[in-house]
């Protein structure tokens, strides 16, 4: 006798769920009401208990599968039931025997070398030249003891390094979307299409920024021929914020169910 494990109704508006993890595998013994698997929905993440004691014979919904309420998840058999063994894979065909290698051909015998010609008689050695007379030694003048060494060159002033920007470890990664994040994305997209959108305004104190701009604007105008506006400072701040919070600088791939966090910040 077997008992089916189905997805129960986990909420008033919940119609489906996603299998996130099986706590038991085929062939494992389970007790009644023992947690069997974990399921995630739009509202809750919960464990599905075993409806009876026995052996897990078959898993009908693998991990990451989305099933509707009432659909089968697995099959529980009697405690003395043995699950059917999976079919053995076919034995691979033996590799073909290599073709016999022909023996190497004998190397040809080289012709005999010609007899060497007689060496010519050595020429008489030239007479040695007379050694030159030694030159008179020059007098050595020691350096003055009162010479003062040149002072060392002054070392350049240390340049203070710019503070390191805090970058998130998510940059440059592609991760699968969780069930909750997928539901949040679908609801936000639905709200964008069906509901009126509002604009949120936040005030910030930029007094110090404007002082910096006022100190640099004259030199910038003389060097670049353009007026320095506050916009470059805002763009720099936005790039640093995207580097620290890559969740805002990401792309969702609905077909693959993944999120890609970019490792570059491009503002145009």
C-alpha atoms as a PDB file:
ATOM      1  CA  UNK A   1       0.000   0.000   0.000  1.00  0.00           C
ATOM      2  CA  UNK A   2       1.317   3.430  -0.944  1.00  0.00           C
ATOM      3  CA  UNK A   3       0.416   6.945   0.197  1.00  0.00           C
ATOM      4  CA  UNK A   4       0.777  10.028  -1.992  1.00  0.00           C
ATOM      5  CA  UNK A   5       2.371  13.195  -0.653  1.00  0.00           C
ATOM      6  CA  UNK A   6       0.597  16.254  -2.080  1.00  0.00           C
ATOM      7  CA  UNK A   7       1.051  19.998  -1.728  1.00  0.00           C
ATOM      8  CA  UNK A   8      -1.520  21.250   0.802  1.00  0.00           C
ATOM      9  CA  UNK A   9      -3.220  24.648   0.739  1.00  0.00           C
ATOM     10  CA  UNK A  10      -0.815  26.936   2.573  1.00  0.00           C
ATOM     11  CA  UNK A  11      -2.925  30.092   2.466  1.00  0.00           C
ATOM     12  CA  UNK A  12      -6.152  31.567   1.197  1.00  0.00           C
ATOM     13  CA  UNK A  13      -4.627  33.044  -1.967  1.00  0.00           C
ATOM     14  CA  UNK A  14      -1.737  30.593  -2.410  1.00  0.00           C
ATOM     15  CA  UNK A  15      -2.218  28.444  -5.510  1.00  0.00           C
ATOM     16  CA  UNK A  16       1.271  27.006  -6.041  1.00  0.00           C
ATOM     17  CA  UNK A  17       4.597  26.437  -4.359  1.00  0.00           C
ATOM     18  CA  UNK A  18       8.215  25.712  -5.218  1.00  0.00           C
ATOM     19  CA  UNK A  19      10.158  22.771  -3.816  1.00  0.00           C
ATOM     20  CA  UNK A  20      13.308  24.252  -2.286  1.00  0.00           C
ATOM     21  CA  UNK A  21      14.870  21.194  -0.599  1.00  0.00           C
ATOM     22  CA  UNK A  22      14.127  17.536   0.028  1.00  0.00           C
ATOM     23  CA  UNK A  23      14.961  16.498   3.588  1.00  0.00           C
ATOM     24  CA  UNK A  24      14.665  12.784   2.727  1.00  0.00           C
ATOM     25  CA  UNK A  25      15.877  10.801  -0.268  1.00  0.00           C
ATOM     26  CA  UNK A  26      14.476   7.754  -2.047  1.00  0.00           C
ATOM     27  CA  UNK A  27      14.889   4.710   0.194  1.00  0.00           C
ATOM     28  CA  UNK A  28      14.940   6.677   3.477  1.00  0.00           C
ATOM     29  CA  UNK A  29      12.609   5.624   6.277  1.00  0.00           C
ATOM     30  CA  UNK A  30      10.248   8.326   7.597  1.00  0.00           C
ATOM     31  CA  UNK A  31       7.832   8.536  10.474  1.00  0.00           C
ATOM     32  CA  UNK A  32       4.357  10.026  10.369  1.00  0.00           C
ATOM     33  CA  UNK A  33       4.435  13.852  10.595  1.00  0.00           C
ATOM     34  CA  UNK A  34       8.221  13.877  10.150  1.00  0.00           C
ATOM     35  CA  UNK A  35       9.412  16.783   7.937  1.00  0.00           C
ATOM     36  CA  UNK A  36       9.806  15.450   4.420  1.00  0.00           C
ATOM     37  CA  UNK A  37      10.632  18.491   2.266  1.00  0.00           C
ATOM     38  CA  UNK A  38      10.690  22.291   2.274  1.00  0.00           C
ATOM     39  CA  UNK A  39       8.363  24.377   0.104  1.00  0.00           C
ATOM     40  CA  UNK A  40       8.432  28.116  -0.629  1.00  0.00           C
ATOM     41  CA  UNK A  41       5.399  30.221  -1.630  1.00  0.00           C
ATOM     42  CA  UNK A  42       4.660  33.903  -2.117  1.00  0.00           C
ATOM     43  CA  UNK A  43       3.554  34.173   1.503  1.00  0.00           C
ATOM     44  CA  UNK A  44       5.488  31.611   3.543  1.00  0.00           C
ATOM     45  CA  UNK A  45       8.328  29.077   3.585  1.00  0.00           C
ATOM     46  CA  UNK A  46       7.348  25.874   5.350  1.00  0.00           C
ATOM     47  CA  UNK A  47       8.052  22.162   5.740  1.00  0.00           C
ATOM     48  CA  UNK A  48       5.729  19.463   4.397  1.00  0.00           C
ATOM     49  CA  UNK A  49       5.380  16.524   6.832  1.00  0.00           C
ATOM     50  CA  UNK A  50       5.050  12.882   5.839  1.00  0.00           C
ATOM     51  CA  UNK A  51       1.390  11.739   5.890  1.00  0.00           C
ATOM     52  CA  UNK A  52       2.340   8.227   7.068  1.00  0.00           C
ATOM     53  CA  UNK A  53       5.227   6.133   8.319  1.00  0.00           C
ATOM     54  CA  UNK A  54       7.109   4.125   5.739  1.00  0.00           C
ATOM     55  CA  UNK A  55       9.775   4.395   3.059  1.00  0.00           C
ATOM     56  CA  UNK A  56      10.071   7.167   0.483  1.00  0.00           C
ATOM     57  CA  UNK A  57       9.649   5.244  -2.768  1.00  0.00           C
ATOM     58  CA  UNK A  58       9.624   8.029  -5.344  1.00  0.00           C
ATOM     59  CA  UNK A  59      10.114  11.783  -5.673  1.00  0.00           C
ATOM     60  CA  UNK A  60       7.665  13.338  -8.136  1.00  0.00           C
ATOM     61  CA  UNK A  61       8.712  17.001  -7.819  1.00  0.00           C
ATOM     62  CA  UNK A  62      12.418  17.750  -7.883  1.00  0.00           C
ATOM     63  CA  UNK A  63      14.036  20.734  -6.220  1.00  0.00           C
ATOM     64  CA  UNK A  64      13.202  24.101  -7.843  1.00  0.00           C
ATOM     65  CA  UNK A  65      10.050  22.611  -9.428  1.00  0.00           C
ATOM     66  CA  UNK A  66       6.867  24.679  -9.065  1.00  0.00           C
ATOM     67  CA  UNK A  67       3.708  22.647  -8.461  1.00  0.00           C
ATOM     68  CA  UNK A  68       0.076  23.576  -7.887  1.00  0.00           C
ATOM     69  CA  UNK A  69      -1.873  22.944  -4.700  1.00  0.00           C
ATOM     70  CA  UNK A  70      -3.000  19.313  -4.624  1.00  0.00           C
ATOM     71  CA  UNK A  71      -0.286  18.094  -7.015  1.00  0.00           C
ATOM     72  CA  UNK A  72       1.808  15.074  -6.069  1.00  0.00           C
ATOM     73  CA  UNK A  73       5.208  15.560  -4.479  1.00  0.00           C
ATOM     74  CA  UNK A  74       6.244  11.989  -3.658  1.00  0.00           C
ATOM     75  CA  UNK A  75       5.082   8.467  -2.772  1.00  0.00           C
ATOM     76  CA  UNK A  76       5.408   6.752   0.624  1.00  0.00           C
ATOM     77  CA  UNK A  77       5.366   2.946   0.773  1.00  0.00           C
ATOM     78  CA  UNK A  78       5.044   0.419   3.585  1.00  0.00           C
ATOM     79  CA  UNK A  79       8.015   0.152   5.974  1.00  0.00           C
ATOM     80  CA  UNK A  80       9.071  -3.181   4.474  1.00  0.00           C
ATOM     81  CA  UNK A  81       8.840  -1.952   0.866  1.00  0.00           C
ATOM     82  CA  UNK A  82      12.023  -1.727  -1.155  1.00  0.00           C
ATOM     83  CA  UNK A  83      12.172   1.049  -3.769  1.00  0.00           C
ATOM     84  CA  UNK A  84      12.758  -0.058  -7.323  1.00  0.00           C
ATOM     85  CA  UNK A  85      16.386   0.199  -8.321  1.00  0.00           C
ATOM     86  CA  UNK A  86      17.097   2.545 -11.220  1.00  0.00           C
ATOM     87  CA  UNK A  87      18.033   0.826 -14.481  1.00  0.00           C
ATOM     88  CA  UNK A  88      21.727   0.155 -14.788  1.00  0.00           C
ATOM     89  CA  UNK A  89      23.416   2.250 -17.438  1.00  0.00           C
ATOM     90  CA  UNK A  90      24.433   0.444 -20.582  1.00  0.00           C
ATOM     91  CA  UNK A  91      28.031  -0.683 -20.626  1.00  0.00           C
ATOM     92  CA  UNK A  92      30.134   1.460 -22.926  1.00  0.00           C
ATOM     93  CA  UNK A  93      31.318  -0.169 -26.116  1.00  0.00           C
ATOM     94  CA  UNK A  94      34.968  -1.250 -26.004  1.00  0.00           C
ATOM     95  CA  UNK A  95      37.286   1.041 -27.919  1.00  0.00           C
ATOM     96  CA  UNK A  96      38.385  -0.251 -31.330  1.00  0.00           C
ATOM     97  CA  UNK A  97      41.731  -2.031 -31.415  1.00  0.00           C
ATOM     98  CA  UNK A  98      44.502   0.179 -32.792  1.00  0.00           C
ATOM     99  CA  UNK A  99      45.770  -0.651 -36.259  1.00  0.00           C
ATOM    100  CA  UNK A 100      49.148  -2.477 -36.272  1.00  0.00           C
ATOM    101  CA  UNK A 101      52.060  -0.156 -36.784  1.00  0.00           C
ATOM    102  CA  UNK A 102      54.352  -1.187 -39.703  1.00  0.00           C
ATOM    103  CA  UNK A 103      58.019  -1.746 -38.743  1.00  0.00           C
ATOM    104  CA  UNK A 104      60.295   1.193 -39.549  1.00  0.00           C
ATOM    105  CA  UNK A 105      62.299   0.980 -42.767  1.00  0.00           C
ATOM    106  CA  UNK A 106      66.087   0.414 -42.295  1.00  0.00           C
ATOM    107  CA  UNK A 107      68.132   3.590 -42.478  1.00  0.00           C
ATOM    108  CA  UNK A 108      70.220   3.928 -45.701  1.00  0.00           C
ATOM    109  CA  UNK A 109      73.959   3.385 -45.338  1.00  0.00           C
ATOM    110  CA  UNK A 110      75.815   6.693 -45.861  1.00  0.00           C
ATOM    111  CA  UNK A 111      78.618   6.752 -48.491  1.00  0.00           C
ATOM    112  CA  UNK A 112      82.216   6.564 -47.166  1.00  0.00           C
ATOM    113  CA  UNK A 113      83.776   9.926 -46.310  1.00  0.00           C
ATOM    114  CA  UNK A 114      86.633  11.102 -48.610  1.00  0.00           C
ATOM    115  CA  UNK A 115      90.194  10.906 -47.297  1.00  0.00           C
ATOM    116  CA  UNK A 116      91.336  14.177 -45.621  1.00  0.00           C
ATOM    117  CA  UNK A 117      93.816  16.375 -47.506  1.00  0.00           C
ATOM    118  CA  UNK A 118      97.366  16.677 -46.040  1.00  0.00           C
ATOM    119  CA  UNK A 119      97.710  19.585 -43.602  1.00  0.00           C
ATOM    120  CA  UNK A 120      99.994  22.479 -44.741  1.00  0.00           C
ATOM    121  CA  UNK A 121     103.300  23.089 -42.973  1.00  0.00           C
ATOM    122  CA  UNK A 122     103.014  25.567 -40.077  1.00  0.00           C
ATOM    123  CA  UNK A 123     104.337  29.096 -40.676  1.00  0.00           C
ATOM    124  CA  UNK A 124     107.314  30.276 -38.558  1.00  0.00           C
ATOM    125  CA  UNK A 125     106.301  32.205 -35.436  1.00  0.00           C
ATOM    126  CA  UNK A 126     107.063  35.965 -35.504  1.00  0.00           C
ATOM    127  CA  UNK A 127     109.770  37.383 -33.244  1.00  0.00           C
ATOM    128  CA  UNK A 128     108.433  38.861 -29.986  1.00  0.00           C
ATOM    129  CA  UNK A 129     108.247  42.653 -29.879  1.00  0.00           C
ATOM    130  CA  UNK A 130     110.286  44.480 -27.221  1.00  0.00           C
ATOM    131  CA  UNK A 131     108.332  45.444 -24.104  1.00  0.00           C
ATOM    132  CA  UNK A 132     107.568  49.183 -23.804  1.00  0.00           C
ATOM    133  CA  UNK A 133     109.329  51.206 -21.152  1.00  0.00           C
ATOM    134  CA  UNK A 134     107.237  51.839 -18.045  1.00  0.00           C
ATOM    135  CA  UNK A 135     105.645  55.237 -17.898  1.00  0.00           C
ATOM    136  CA  UNK A 136     106.479  57.476 -14.946  1.00  0.00           C
ATOM    137  CA  UNK A 137     103.938  57.205 -12.153  1.00  0.00           C
ATOM    138  CA  UNK A 138     101.781  60.242 -11.695  1.00  0.00           C
ATOM    139  CA  UNK A 139     101.666  61.814  -8.315  1.00  0.00           C
ATOM    140  CA  UNK A 140      98.469  61.084  -6.399  1.00  0.00           C
ATOM    141  CA  UNK A 141      96.721  64.047  -4.900  1.00  0.00           C
ATOM    142  CA  UNK A 142      94.438  63.016  -1.985  1.00  0.00           C
ATOM    143  CA  UNK A 143      91.149  64.829  -1.607  1.00  0.00           C
ATOM    144  CA  UNK A 144      91.004  67.653   0.824  1.00  0.00           C
ATOM    145  CA  UNK A 145      90.051  66.526   4.293  1.00  0.00           C
ATOM    146  CA  UNK A 146      87.999  69.648   4.751  1.00  0.00           C
ATOM    147  CA  UNK A 147      85.623  68.789   1.856  1.00  0.00           C
ATOM    148  CA  UNK A 148      82.016  68.937   3.066  1.00  0.00           C
ATOM    149  CA  UNK A 149      79.643  66.281   1.614  1.00  0.00           C
ATOM    150  CA  UNK A 150      76.670  67.568  -0.333  1.00  0.00           C
ATOM    151  CA  UNK A 151      73.454  67.656   1.671  1.00  0.00           C
ATOM    152  CA  UNK A 152      70.953  64.890   0.783  1.00  0.00           C
ATOM    153  CA  UNK A 153      68.080  65.803  -1.507  1.00  0.00           C
ATOM    154  CA  UNK A 154      64.893  66.545   0.397  1.00  0.00           C
ATOM    155  CA  UNK A 155      62.386  63.699   0.230  1.00  0.00           C
ATOM    156  CA  UNK A 156      59.053  64.562  -1.402  1.00  0.00           C
ATOM    157  CA  UNK A 157      56.118  65.115   0.848  1.00  0.00           C
ATOM    158  CA  UNK A 158      53.990  61.965   1.230  1.00  0.00           C
ATOM    159  CA  UNK A 159      50.844  61.980  -0.861  1.00  0.00           C
ATOM    160  CA  UNK A 160      47.770  61.044   1.091  1.00  0.00           C
ATOM    161  CA  UNK A 161      46.005  58.155  -0.633  1.00  0.00           C
ATOM    162  CA  UNK A 162      42.348  58.491  -1.442  1.00  0.00           C
ATOM    163  CA  UNK A 163      40.054  56.508   0.851  1.00  0.00           C
ATOM    164  CA  UNK A 164      39.186  53.073  -0.512  1.00  0.00           C
ATOM    165  CA  UNK A 165      35.652  52.707  -1.759  1.00  0.00           C
ATOM    166  CA  UNK A 166      33.593  49.989  -0.169  1.00  0.00           C
ATOM    167  CA  UNK A 167      32.596  47.623  -2.993  1.00  0.00           C
ATOM    168  CA  UNK A 168      30.066  44.891  -2.493  1.00  0.00           C
ATOM    169  CA  UNK A 169      31.024  41.250  -2.989  1.00  0.00           C
ATOM    170  CA  UNK A 170      28.008  40.817  -5.295  1.00  0.00           C
ATOM    171  CA  UNK A 171      29.642  42.782  -8.141  1.00  0.00           C
ATOM    172  CA  UNK A 172      30.343  40.603 -11.178  1.00  0.00           C
ATOM    173  CA  UNK A 173      28.244  37.650  -9.985  1.00  0.00           C
ATOM    174  CA  UNK A 174      25.178  35.863 -11.367  1.00  0.00           C
ATOM    175  CA  UNK A 175      22.977  34.199  -8.743  1.00  0.00           C
ATOM    176  CA  UNK A 176      19.654  32.343  -8.970  1.00  0.00           C
ATOM    177  CA  UNK A 177      16.543  34.190  -7.853  1.00  0.00           C
ATOM    178  CA  UNK A 178      14.874  32.973  -4.697  1.00  0.00           C
ATOM    179  CA  UNK A 179      11.150  32.367  -4.566  1.00  0.00           C
ATOM    180  CA  UNK A 180      10.573  35.468  -2.442  1.00  0.00           C
ATOM    181  CA  UNK A 181      12.639  37.730  -4.714  1.00  0.00           C
ATOM    182  CA  UNK A 182      10.832  36.406  -7.783  1.00  0.00           C
ATOM    183  CA  UNK A 183       7.455  37.170  -6.166  1.00  0.00           C
ATOM    184  CA  UNK A 184       8.612  40.669  -5.189  1.00  0.00           C
ATOM    185  CA  UNK A 185       9.766  41.338  -8.756  1.00  0.00           C
ATOM    186  CA  UNK A 186       6.479  40.161 -10.260  1.00  0.00           C
ATOM    187  CA  UNK A 187       4.442  42.308  -7.864  1.00  0.00           C
ATOM    188  CA  UNK A 188       6.578  45.393  -8.513  1.00  0.00           C
ATOM    189  CA  UNK A 189       6.241  44.936 -12.261  1.00  0.00           C
ATOM    190  CA  UNK A 190       2.490  44.520 -11.912  1.00  0.00           C
ATOM    191  CA  UNK A 191       2.271  47.666  -9.789  1.00  0.00           C
ATOM    192  CA  UNK A 192       4.316  49.600 -12.357  1.00  0.00           C
ATOM    193  CA  UNK A 193       1.861  48.662 -15.115  1.00  0.00           C
ATOM    194  CA  UNK A 194      -1.407  48.992 -13.209  1.00  0.00           C
ATOM    195  CA  UNK A 195      -0.940  51.713 -10.598  1.00  0.00           C
ATOM    196  CA  UNK A 196      -0.118  55.420 -10.718  1.00  0.00           C
ATOM    197  CA  UNK A 197       3.515  56.218  -9.993  1.00  0.00           C
ATOM    198  CA  UNK A 198       4.695  58.942  -7.625  1.00  0.00           C
ATOM    199  CA  UNK A 199       7.962  60.865  -7.373  1.00  0.00           C
ATOM    200  CA  UNK A 200       9.857  60.883  -4.096  1.00  0.00           C
ATOM    201  CA  UNK A 201      12.064  63.866  -3.232  1.00  0.00           C
ATOM    202  CA  UNK A 202      14.811  63.837  -0.615  1.00  0.00           C
ATOM    203  CA  UNK A 203      16.669  66.947   0.560  1.00  0.00           C
ATOM    204  CA  UNK A 204      20.402  66.903   1.292  1.00  0.00           C
ATOM    205  CA  UNK A 205      22.818  69.495   2.688  1.00  0.00           C
ATOM    206  CA  UNK A 206      25.386  70.210  -0.064  1.00  0.00           C
ATOM    207  CA  UNK A 207      26.988  73.289   1.517  1.00  0.00           C
ATOM    208  CA  UNK A 208      30.473  71.740   1.622  1.00  0.00           C
ATOM    209  CA  UNK A 209      30.112  70.483  -1.937  1.00  0.00           C
ATOM    210  CA  UNK A 210      29.256  73.965  -3.204  1.00  0.00           C
ATOM    211  CA  UNK A 211      32.262  75.418  -1.364  1.00  0.00           C
ATOM    212  CA  UNK A 212      34.512  72.912  -3.123  1.00  0.00           C
ATOM    213  CA  UNK A 213      32.936  73.790  -6.448  1.00  0.00           C
ATOM    214  CA  UNK A 214      33.414  77.523  -5.874  1.00  0.00           C
ATOM    215  CA  UNK A 215      37.120  77.005  -5.103  1.00  0.00           C
ATOM    216  CA  UNK A 216      37.701  74.928  -8.254  1.00  0.00           C
ATOM    217  CA  UNK A 217      35.454  76.646 -10.805  1.00  0.00           C
ATOM    218  CA  UNK A 218      37.877  79.432 -11.853  1.00  0.00           C
ATOM    219  CA  UNK A 219      40.772  77.048 -12.493  1.00  0.00           C
ATOM    220  CA  UNK A 220      38.467  74.626 -14.287  1.00  0.00           C
ATOM    221  CA  UNK A 221      37.184  77.410 -16.557  1.00  0.00           C
ATOM    222  CA  UNK A 222      40.721  78.529 -17.426  1.00  0.00           C
ATOM    223  CA  UNK A 223      41.878  74.957 -18.108  1.00  0.00           C
ATOM    224  CA  UNK A 224      38.835  73.451 -19.878  1.00  0.00           C
ATOM    225  CA  UNK A 225      37.014  76.510 -21.198  1.00  0.00           C
ATOM    226  CA  UNK A 226      33.781  75.325 -19.544  1.00  0.00           C
ATOM    227  CA  UNK A 227      31.949  76.271 -16.397  1.00  0.00           C
ATOM    228  CA  UNK A 228      32.035  73.738 -13.565  1.00  0.00           C
ATOM    229  CA  UNK A 229      28.505  72.810 -12.508  1.00  0.00           C
ATOM    230  CA  UNK A 230      27.497  70.675  -9.495  1.00  0.00           C
ATOM    231  CA  UNK A 231      26.469  67.820 -11.824  1.00  0.00           C
ATOM    232  CA  UNK A 232      29.904  66.044 -11.944  1.00  0.00           C
ATOM    233  CA  UNK A 233      29.851  65.762  -8.156  1.00  0.00           C
ATOM    234  CA  UNK A 234      26.380  64.203  -8.238  1.00  0.00           C
ATOM    235  CA  UNK A 235      27.467  61.720 -10.929  1.00  0.00           C
ATOM    236  CA  UNK A 236      30.510  60.733  -8.849  1.00  0.00           C
ATOM    237  CA  UNK A 237      28.323  60.192  -5.792  1.00  0.00           C
ATOM    238  CA  UNK A 238      25.875  58.083  -7.824  1.00  0.00           C
ATOM    239  CA  UNK A 239      28.712  55.897  -9.182  1.00  0.00           C
ATOM    240  CA  UNK A 240      30.060  55.302  -5.676  1.00  0.00           C
ATOM    241  CA  UNK A 241      26.573  54.425  -4.424  1.00  0.00           C
ATOM    242  CA  UNK A 242      26.077  51.892  -7.249  1.00  0.00           C
ATOM    243  CA  UNK A 243      29.431  50.315  -6.439  1.00  0.00           C
ATOM    244  CA  UNK A 244      28.463  49.877  -2.800  1.00  0.00           C
ATOM    245  CA  UNK A 245      24.877  48.767  -3.584  1.00  0.00           C
ATOM    246  CA  UNK A 246      24.958  46.622  -6.775  1.00  0.00           C
ATOM    247  CA  UNK A 247      21.374  45.474  -6.215  1.00  0.00           C
ATOM    248  CA  UNK A 248      20.346  48.730  -7.913  1.00  0.00           C
ATOM    249  CA  UNK A 249      22.791  48.048 -10.773  1.00  0.00           C
ATOM    250  CA  UNK A 250      21.571  44.577 -11.801  1.00  0.00           C
ATOM    251  CA  UNK A 251      19.637  42.763 -14.507  1.00  0.00           C
ATOM    252  CA  UNK A 252      16.997  40.029 -14.157  1.00  0.00           C
ATOM    253  CA  UNK A 253      16.966  37.140 -16.634  1.00  0.00           C
ATOM    254  CA  UNK A 254      13.424  35.774 -16.432  1.00  0.00           C
ATOM    255  CA  UNK A 255      14.116  32.827 -18.766  1.00  0.00           C
ATOM    256  CA  UNK A 256      17.001  31.524 -16.658  1.00  0.00           C
ATOM    257  CA  UNK A 257      15.638  32.762 -13.323  1.00  0.00           C
ATOM    258  CA  UNK A 258      18.881  34.543 -12.411  1.00  0.00           C
ATOM    259  CA  UNK A 259      20.088  37.993 -11.350  1.00  0.00           C
ATOM    260  CA  UNK A 260      23.328  39.444 -12.760  1.00  0.00           C
ATOM    261  CA  UNK A 261      25.089  42.120 -10.706  1.00  0.00           C
ATOM    262  CA  UNK A 262      27.314  44.220 -12.973  1.00  0.00           C
ATOM    263  CA  UNK A 263      30.930  44.885 -12.032  1.00  0.00           C
ATOM    264  CA  UNK A 264      31.032  48.263 -13.812  1.00  0.00           C
ATOM    265  CA  UNK A 265      29.139  51.497 -13.184  1.00  0.00           C
ATOM    266  CA  UNK A 266      28.253  53.335 -16.411  1.00  0.00           C
ATOM    267  CA  UNK A 267      26.333  56.610 -16.182  1.00  0.00           C
ATOM    268  CA  UNK A 268      25.357  58.415 -19.378  1.00  0.00           C
END
